[in-house]
């Protein structure tokens, strides 16, 4: 895939005014060219998206070497997440939320409501390999920035679109609402009368949709390399959510069982996902998936007879008597030290883990490896690309951009405009530049 996707715009910097010319004349880079050490080096992505799903996809492409230009709405002073700050978070610079999905990008601020702003967007789109758009159905058409209009001018363009509910449904998609409407919120939370429907603590649906779109974009670029034709690829938040229901969905579709809230328990394995506290109140999770693992667990806890109790011998029996089993295991675990117990379980290959808060998570080498740091060691955010592979360089990403930080740079470098032309657009209220 890296060899197929390593493309460079003719003439390097992208000046020269003819907006569609670079896309149609990509040159295959030499496999040993150091300038193309990352799979998407030479690719340009125009991000017409905000919040999380689209920007997360954009950062993923930036981490693979693409030049990602984030277009931000001049009327709202940029992506709404710039203002989503935690209590006590500094008011200057990009918010921590914004930094979660906007590393490695350039920011251009413009007003696409007017014709001049729309023309700039169109020219930038035609000078790009991929357009990421999260307009609700119908809005892109009003602006002339829809897939049909842009691909009529540049058939090699890959137009990647995110909607809430599909191309024919005008509703705006919100992660919290779609978590509820797709069944996640109903299943999540404590069981019984004390439990309330609970959304996930991250915008899970946005992230699921982003992963779907990343795959679609890479396949569209692969197809373009083989056929010369671009594509219009689309994912809805609702579609991505339902496609991720996995065994909970097939439990209903194939077995007729409507999933209910079970706290941390698993509907068809026990004890799997169940949380227990040690003698100091520290929590751990068991993930016992086989009868042999359960027998070893009982031996370690000093209650080997439980493995021969007909209520618990087989997994199906343990599922049917899960509350009795959890009470017995809780008593045993409550007398132990979490660290010592996890050590013993690990040595005997019984799956178990500590419940960690965010501070503990980032004490692990696996998490530290995903933290993006500046040259001076300052943490700038978190990587989207968690996989490793040959031919993928560990790029030093630029920090999340300030609002409109690269407006002049993008218009001069990509569209070949003069500084004077840029200043005229500033004076006309079409674009913003840093003050």
Foldseek 3Di string as FASTA:
>chain_A
DLQLQQWAFPPHLAADFQLQRRQLDTDRDDPPPPQSLFSNARAEEEEADAQFQRLQLQQQSLLRHYAYEYEAEQVVLGHPQQPVEDVPDDNDDRHQSLLARFWQYHYWYFHLVDPVLLVVVLSNQSNGQEYEHEQFAPPCVVSLNDPVSSCVVPQNHAYEYEAAPDNPDRDGHDLVVLCVVLCNQQQEFADDPVTDRDDDPDSVLSHLQNVVRSVVQVVQSSVCSVPVGGYYHYDHSNRSSNVPCPPQVCCCVVVVDHHGHHHQPDQQFPPARDWAAEQVRWIKGFHAHFLVLVLVLCVLLVNNCQCVPVCHVGRNSCSVVVVVVVVVVNVSRHHDDPVVSVVSSVVVVGDMGTDDDPVVVCVDPLQVVQFQADPVGHTQYGRSDSDDDPSHDSDNIHHRDRHNACNVVCCCRNSVDDPVVVVVCVVVRGTDYDD
